[in-house]
Amino acid sequence: MLDRVVRELGVDWWTDGRSAAAAMNRKSFTRRLLVRPLHGRFALTEAALDAAERLLPTYRGPDGDHEGILFLLGYEIDDLTVFTAVLAPDADHGCGHVVCSREQILDASRAARANGLALLGQLHSHPHDSTYHSPGDDDLVLMPFEGMISLVAPHYARFGLRPLHSLGVHQYQDGKWVVADPAGVRSGFRIVPTAVDLR
């Protein structure tokens, strides 16, 4: 019975051992998320994106793939946020979770500042096909600020991170996390090429 319901909802069995009932609860949770236009403009350098695609799947353990997390580092100019680098923090990670302590986030912030950058966003992976914040993800982002971006990659990011609108793009707006409208992500979140050759 639960197998049929899960198939009808379009939820796959999760590799972290969660039950079909939990999958159904998750599916109903994702339907209640607020979808809003993306505020501001964002740019991610191709070099940082390449590094993210390389680093995120390296969160592993003896039991196989784990959820991973990267911090997006960069700077802000007016309403434009430019992510120029990614940082892989030390974290508590497993097949179905990834969490950074305050001390680990402090270490990441110090490393960013040492390179003249600020910690302006995050990217984490999920084991399944969901790109929405899990229940609890909203609360696990320490010190969110207005306009902050949180990206979620499915399948432990094994299949890359492109196009950006295929990821879950969340933004902190008016004191809560919302899902950014995919059309707004397409127009307001760009990849900056490493090189442009007009010859």
C-alpha atoms as a PDB file:
ATOM      1  CA  MET A   1       0.000   0.000   0.000  1.00  0.00           C
ATOM      2  CA  LEU A   2       2.673   2.527   1.030  1.00  0.00           C
ATOM      3  CA  ASP A   3       4.771   1.565  -2.015  1.00  0.00           C
ATOM      4  CA  ARG A   4       1.873   2.461  -4.335  1.00  0.00           C
ATOM      5  CA  VAL A   5       1.217   5.766  -2.558  1.00  0.00           C
ATOM      6  CA  VAL A   6       4.897   6.680  -2.669  1.00  0.00           C
ATOM      7  CA  ARG A   7       5.032   5.922  -6.423  1.00  0.00           C
ATOM      8  CA  GLU A   8       1.917   8.039  -7.027  1.00  0.00           C
ATOM      9  CA  LEU A   9       3.453  10.945  -5.114  1.00  0.00           C
ATOM     10  CA  GLY A  10       6.610  10.636  -7.175  1.00  0.00           C
ATOM     11  CA  VAL A  11       8.841  10.059  -4.153  1.00  0.00           C
ATOM     12  CA  ASP A  12      11.691   7.570  -4.485  1.00  0.00           C
ATOM     13  CA  TRP A  13      12.846   5.365  -1.633  1.00  0.00           C
ATOM     14  CA  TRP A  14      15.586   7.295   0.089  1.00  0.00           C
ATOM     15  CA  THR A  15      19.052   5.879   0.432  1.00  0.00           C
ATOM     16  CA  ASP A  16      19.342   7.040   4.032  1.00  0.00           C
ATOM     17  CA  GLY A  17      16.814   4.484   5.269  1.00  0.00           C
ATOM     18  CA  ARG A  18      13.803   6.729   5.774  1.00  0.00           C
ATOM     19  CA  SER A  19      10.402   5.074   5.566  1.00  0.00           C
ATOM     20  CA  ALA A  20       7.691   5.539   2.980  1.00  0.00           C
ATOM     21  CA  ALA A  21       5.589   7.328   5.605  1.00  0.00           C
ATOM     22  CA  ALA A  22       8.410   9.827   6.157  1.00  0.00           C
ATOM     23  CA  ALA A  23       8.664  10.260   2.388  1.00  0.00           C
ATOM     24  CA  MET A  24       4.956  11.087   2.198  1.00  0.00           C
ATOM     25  CA  ASN A  25       5.297  13.593   5.038  1.00  0.00           C
ATOM     26  CA  ARG A  26       8.221  15.197   3.223  1.00  0.00           C
ATOM     27  CA  LYS A  27       6.272  15.424  -0.032  1.00  0.00           C
ATOM     28  CA  SER A  28       3.389  17.228   1.695  1.00  0.00           C
ATOM     29  CA  PHE A  29       5.901  19.517   3.428  1.00  0.00           C
ATOM     30  CA  THR A  30       7.507  20.578   0.138  1.00  0.00           C
ATOM     31  CA  ARG A  31       4.109  21.523  -1.291  1.00  0.00           C
ATOM     32  CA  ARG A  32       3.647  24.105   1.478  1.00  0.00           C
ATOM     33  CA  LEU A  33       6.875  26.011   0.771  1.00  0.00           C
ATOM     34  CA  LEU A  34       6.499  29.628  -0.290  1.00  0.00           C
ATOM     35  CA  VAL A  35       7.659  30.409  -3.817  1.00  0.00           C
ATOM     36  CA  ARG A  36       8.734  34.014  -4.279  1.00  0.00           C
ATOM     37  CA  PRO A  37      10.645  36.101  -6.845  1.00  0.00           C
ATOM     38  CA  LEU A  38      14.404  36.218  -6.355  1.00  0.00           C
ATOM     39  CA  HIS A  39      15.506  39.496  -4.742  1.00  0.00           C
ATOM     40  CA  GLY A  40      18.711  41.000  -6.125  1.00  0.00           C
ATOM     41  CA  ARG A  41      21.121  39.729  -8.731  1.00  0.00           C
ATOM     42  CA  PHE A  42      23.642  36.925  -8.287  1.00  0.00           C
ATOM     43  CA  ALA A  43      26.703  35.770 -10.192  1.00  0.00           C
ATOM     44  CA  LEU A  44      28.752  32.634  -9.639  1.00  0.00           C
ATOM     45  CA  THR A  45      32.140  32.337 -11.310  1.00  0.00           C
ATOM     46  CA  GLU A  46      32.631  29.308 -13.503  1.00  0.00           C
ATOM     47  CA  ALA A  47      35.818  28.511 -11.589  1.00  0.00           C
ATOM     48  CA  ALA A  48      33.890  28.431  -8.291  1.00  0.00           C
ATOM     49  CA  LEU A  49      31.163  26.300  -9.869  1.00  0.00           C
ATOM     50  CA  ASP A  50      33.766  23.835 -11.205  1.00  0.00           C
ATOM     51  CA  ALA A  51      35.291  23.628  -7.713  1.00  0.00           C
ATOM     52  CA  ALA A  52      31.856  23.075  -6.153  1.00  0.00           C
ATOM     53  CA  GLU A  53      31.092  20.235  -8.567  1.00  0.00           C
ATOM     54  CA  ARG A  54      34.414  18.647  -7.642  1.00  0.00           C
ATOM     55  CA  LEU A  55      34.236  19.177  -3.852  1.00  0.00           C
ATOM     56  CA  LEU A  56      30.609  18.530  -2.901  1.00  0.00           C
ATOM     57  CA  PRO A  57      30.578  14.791  -3.768  1.00  0.00           C
ATOM     58  CA  THR A  58      33.770  14.240  -1.716  1.00  0.00           C
ATOM     59  CA  TYR A  59      31.811  14.192   1.553  1.00  0.00           C
ATOM     60  CA  ARG A  60      31.914  10.428   2.079  1.00  0.00           C
ATOM     61  CA  GLY A  61      32.390   7.834   4.761  1.00  0.00           C
ATOM     62  CA  PRO A  62      32.923   4.078   5.102  1.00  0.00           C
ATOM     63  CA  ASP A  63      29.193   3.679   4.434  1.00  0.00           C
ATOM     64  CA  GLY A  64      29.361   5.529   1.086  1.00  0.00           C
ATOM     65  CA  ASP A  65      28.103   8.921  -0.080  1.00  0.00           C
ATOM     66  CA  HIS A  66      27.212  11.544   2.517  1.00  0.00           C
ATOM     67  CA  GLU A  67      25.420  14.861   2.362  1.00  0.00           C
ATOM     68  CA  GLY A  68      27.956  17.634   1.906  1.00  0.00           C
ATOM     69  CA  ILE A  69      28.111  21.381   2.405  1.00  0.00           C
ATOM     70  CA  LEU A  70      30.022  24.246   0.835  1.00  0.00           C
ATOM     71  CA  PHE A  71      30.019  27.912   1.727  1.00  0.00           C
ATOM     72  CA  LEU A  72      29.773  30.454  -1.088  1.00  0.00           C
ATOM     73  CA  LEU A  73      32.336  33.219  -0.686  1.00  0.00           C
ATOM     74  CA  GLY A  74      32.405  36.541  -2.456  1.00  0.00           C
ATOM     75  CA  TYR A  75      31.456  40.191  -2.247  1.00  0.00           C
ATOM     76  CA  GLU A  76      28.476  42.487  -2.759  1.00  0.00           C
ATOM     77  CA  ILE A  77      28.163  45.546  -4.984  1.00  0.00           C
ATOM     78  CA  ASP A  78      24.811  47.315  -4.618  1.00  0.00           C
ATOM     79  CA  ASP A  79      22.174  44.662  -5.459  1.00  0.00           C
ATOM     80  CA  LEU A  80      24.727  42.294  -7.076  1.00  0.00           C
ATOM     81  CA  THR A  81      26.252  39.422  -5.099  1.00  0.00           C
ATOM     82  CA  VAL A  82      29.276  37.811  -6.747  1.00  0.00           C
ATOM     83  CA  PHE A  83      30.342  34.361  -5.544  1.00  0.00           C
ATOM     84  CA  THR A  84      34.010  33.949  -6.480  1.00  0.00           C
ATOM     85  CA  ALA A  85      35.027  30.917  -4.411  1.00  0.00           C
ATOM     86  CA  VAL A  86      33.666  27.988  -2.441  1.00  0.00           C
ATOM     87  CA  LEU A  87      34.874  26.672   0.899  1.00  0.00           C
ATOM     88  CA  ALA A  88      34.469  23.080   2.092  1.00  0.00           C
ATOM     89  CA  PRO A  89      34.131  23.265   5.894  1.00  0.00           C
ATOM     90  CA  ASP A  90      34.745  20.570   8.427  1.00  0.00           C
ATOM     91  CA  ALA A  91      31.266  19.232   9.280  1.00  0.00           C
ATOM     92  CA  ASP A  92      29.368  16.420  10.935  1.00  0.00           C
ATOM     93  CA  HIS A  93      28.032  14.506   7.921  1.00  0.00           C
ATOM     94  CA  GLY A  94      26.302  11.246   7.113  1.00  0.00           C
ATOM     95  CA  CYS A  95      24.031   9.630   4.527  1.00  0.00           C
ATOM     96  CA  GLY A  96      21.085  11.821   5.527  1.00  0.00           C
ATOM     97  CA  HIS A  97      22.537  14.853   7.287  1.00  0.00           C
ATOM     98  CA  VAL A  98      25.234  17.504   7.253  1.00  0.00           C
ATOM     99  CA  VAL A  99      25.646  20.013  10.087  1.00  0.00           C
ATOM    100  CA  CYS A 100      28.272  22.629  10.900  1.00  0.00           C
ATOM    101  CA  SER A 101      28.881  23.755  14.449  1.00  0.00           C
ATOM    102  CA  ARG A 102      29.292  27.413  15.365  1.00  0.00           C
ATOM    103  CA  GLU A 103      33.049  26.827  15.679  1.00  0.00           C
ATOM    104  CA  GLN A 104      33.239  25.301  12.182  1.00  0.00           C
ATOM    105  CA  ILE A 105      31.321  28.250  10.735  1.00  0.00           C
ATOM    106  CA  LEU A 106      33.624  30.650  12.603  1.00  0.00           C
ATOM    107  CA  ASP A 107      36.647  28.887  11.075  1.00  0.00           C
ATOM    108  CA  ALA A 108      35.056  29.215   7.621  1.00  0.00           C
ATOM    109  CA  SER A 109      34.358  32.923   8.166  1.00  0.00           C
ATOM    110  CA  ARG A 110      37.962  33.525   9.247  1.00  0.00           C
ATOM    111  CA  ALA A 111      39.265  31.716   6.152  1.00  0.00           C
ATOM    112  CA  ALA A 112      36.982  33.805   3.932  1.00  0.00           C
ATOM    113  CA  ARG A 113      38.118  37.084   5.534  1.00  0.00           C
ATOM    114  CA  ALA A 114      41.761  36.033   5.232  1.00  0.00           C
ATOM    115  CA  ASN A 115      41.173  36.006   1.466  1.00  0.00           C
ATOM    116  CA  GLY A 116      39.289  39.315   1.406  1.00  0.00           C
ATOM    117  CA  LEU A 117      35.910  37.637   0.940  1.00  0.00           C
ATOM    118  CA  ALA A 118      32.699  37.234   2.933  1.00  0.00           C
ATOM    119  CA  LEU A 119      30.610  34.135   3.596  1.00  0.00           C
ATOM    120  CA  LEU A 120      27.469  35.025   1.620  1.00  0.00           C
ATOM    121  CA  GLY A 121      25.676  31.748   0.966  1.00  0.00           C
ATOM    122  CA  GLN A 122      25.729  28.005   1.201  1.00  0.00           C
ATOM    123  CA  LEU A 123      25.244  24.927  -0.953  1.00  0.00           C
ATOM    124  CA  HIS A 124      24.417  21.502   0.435  1.00  0.00           C
ATOM    125  CA  SER A 125      23.459  18.168  -1.067  1.00  0.00           C
ATOM    126  CA  HIS A 126      20.612  15.732  -0.443  1.00  0.00           C
ATOM    127  CA  PRO A 127      20.722  11.963  -0.999  1.00  0.00           C
ATOM    128  CA  HIS A 128      17.506  11.847  -3.020  1.00  0.00           C
ATOM    129  CA  ASP A 129      15.916  13.903  -5.776  1.00  0.00           C
ATOM    130  CA  SER A 130      14.470  16.637  -3.548  1.00  0.00           C
ATOM    131  CA  THR A 131      15.959  20.100  -3.950  1.00  0.00           C
ATOM    132  CA  TYR A 132      13.874  21.670  -1.186  1.00  0.00           C
ATOM    133  CA  HIS A 133      15.068  22.491   2.306  1.00  0.00           C
ATOM    134  CA  SER A 134      14.374  19.483   4.513  1.00  0.00           C
ATOM    135  CA  PRO A 135      12.382  20.010   7.684  1.00  0.00           C
ATOM    136  CA  GLY A 136      15.026  21.475   9.962  1.00  0.00           C
ATOM    137  CA  ASP A 137      17.245  22.928   7.209  1.00  0.00           C
ATOM    138  CA  ASP A 138      15.751  26.380   7.763  1.00  0.00           C
ATOM    139  CA  ASP A 139      16.870  26.321  11.385  1.00  0.00           C
ATOM    140  CA  LEU A 140      20.306  24.837  10.715  1.00  0.00           C
ATOM    141  CA  VAL A 141      21.515  27.854   8.716  1.00  0.00           C
ATOM    142  CA  LEU A 142      23.287  29.853  11.410  1.00  0.00           C
ATOM    143  CA  MET A 143      22.942  33.626  11.269  1.00  0.00           C
ATOM    144  CA  PRO A 144      20.929  33.962   8.036  1.00  0.00           C
ATOM    145  CA  PHE A 145      20.620  37.491   6.706  1.00  0.00           C
ATOM    146  CA  GLU A 146      18.184  39.230   4.373  1.00  0.00           C
ATOM    147  CA  GLY A 147      18.804  38.112   0.791  1.00  0.00           C
ATOM    148  CA  MET A 148      21.092  35.187   1.704  1.00  0.00           C
ATOM    149  CA  ILE A 149      21.097  32.272  -0.746  1.00  0.00           C
ATOM    150  CA  SER A 150      20.939  28.572   0.156  1.00  0.00           C
ATOM    151  CA  LEU A 151      21.275  26.089  -2.710  1.00  0.00           C
ATOM    152  CA  VAL A 152      20.300  22.401  -2.519  1.00  0.00           C
ATOM    153  CA  ALA A 153      21.698  19.828  -4.951  1.00  0.00           C
ATOM    154  CA  PRO A 154      20.031  16.412  -5.375  1.00  0.00           C
ATOM    155  CA  HIS A 155      21.667  12.969  -5.482  1.00  0.00           C
ATOM    156  CA  TYR A 156      24.730  14.029  -3.450  1.00  0.00           C
ATOM    157  CA  ALA A 157      25.628  16.354  -6.377  1.00  0.00           C
ATOM    158  CA  ARG A 158      26.943  13.351  -8.312  1.00  0.00           C
ATOM    159  CA  PHE A 159      25.471  14.662 -11.571  1.00  0.00           C
ATOM    160  CA  GLY A 160      26.794  18.207 -11.388  1.00  0.00           C
ATOM    161  CA  LEU A 161      25.198  21.533 -10.534  1.00  0.00           C
ATOM    162  CA  ARG A 162      24.138  22.846 -13.917  1.00  0.00           C
ATOM    163  CA  PRO A 163      21.893  24.480 -14.885  1.00  0.00           C
ATOM    164  CA  LEU A 164      21.561  26.539 -11.719  1.00  0.00           C
ATOM    165  CA  HIS A 165      17.764  26.679 -11.959  1.00  0.00           C
ATOM    166  CA  SER A 166      17.717  22.857 -11.629  1.00  0.00           C
ATOM    167  CA  LEU A 167      18.926  23.251  -8.038  1.00  0.00           C
ATOM    168  CA  GLY A 168      16.767  24.268  -5.126  1.00  0.00           C
ATOM    169  CA  VAL A 169      17.449  27.985  -4.812  1.00  0.00           C
ATOM    170  CA  HIS A 170      16.252  29.309  -1.459  1.00  0.00           C
ATOM    171  CA  GLN A 171      16.491  32.888  -0.270  1.00  0.00           C
ATOM    172  CA  TYR A 172      16.045  34.420   3.167  1.00  0.00           C
ATOM    173  CA  GLN A 173      13.303  37.025   2.743  1.00  0.00           C
ATOM    174  CA  ASP A 174      11.444  38.935   5.455  1.00  0.00           C
ATOM    175  CA  GLY A 175      12.729  36.678   8.220  1.00  0.00           C
ATOM    176  CA  LYS A 176      11.999  33.305   6.590  1.00  0.00           C
ATOM    177  CA  TRP A 177      13.341  30.985   3.906  1.00  0.00           C
ATOM    178  CA  VAL A 178      11.438  30.862   0.621  1.00  0.00           C
ATOM    179  CA  VAL A 179      11.983  29.017  -2.643  1.00  0.00           C
ATOM    180  CA  ALA A 180      13.090  31.336  -5.445  1.00  0.00           C
ATOM    181  CA  ASP A 181      10.920  31.203  -8.541  1.00  0.00           C
ATOM    182  CA  PRO A 182      12.820  29.233 -11.261  1.00  0.00           C
ATOM    183  CA  ALA A 183      12.113  31.897 -13.891  1.00  0.00           C
ATOM    184  CA  GLY A 184      13.656  34.509 -11.615  1.00  0.00           C
ATOM    185  CA  VAL A 185      16.672  32.266 -11.037  1.00  0.00           C
ATOM    186  CA  ARG A 186      17.157  31.913 -14.809  1.00  0.00           C
ATOM    187  CA  SER A 187      17.213  35.681 -15.255  1.00  0.00           C
ATOM    188  CA  GLY A 188      18.801  36.797 -11.984  1.00  0.00           C
ATOM    189  CA  PHE A 189      21.464  34.178 -11.242  1.00  0.00           C
ATOM    190  CA  ARG A 190      24.288  34.010 -13.776  1.00  0.00           C
ATOM    191  CA  ILE A 191      27.413  31.934 -14.286  1.00  0.00           C
ATOM    192  CA  VAL A 192      30.397  34.189 -15.060  1.00  0.00           C
ATOM    193  CA  PRO A 193      32.649  32.460 -17.607  1.00  0.00           C
ATOM    194  CA  THR A 194      36.320  31.999 -16.774  1.00  0.00           C
ATOM    195  CA  ALA A 195      37.293  33.259 -20.212  1.00  0.00           C
ATOM    196  CA  VAL A 196      35.583  34.887 -23.189  1.00  0.00           C
ATOM    197  CA  ASP A 197      37.203  34.629 -26.630  1.00  0.00           C
ATOM    198  CA  LEU A 198      35.642  36.841 -29.315  1.00  0.00           C
ATOM    199  CA  ARG A 199      38.212  36.077 -32.035  1.00  0.00           C
END
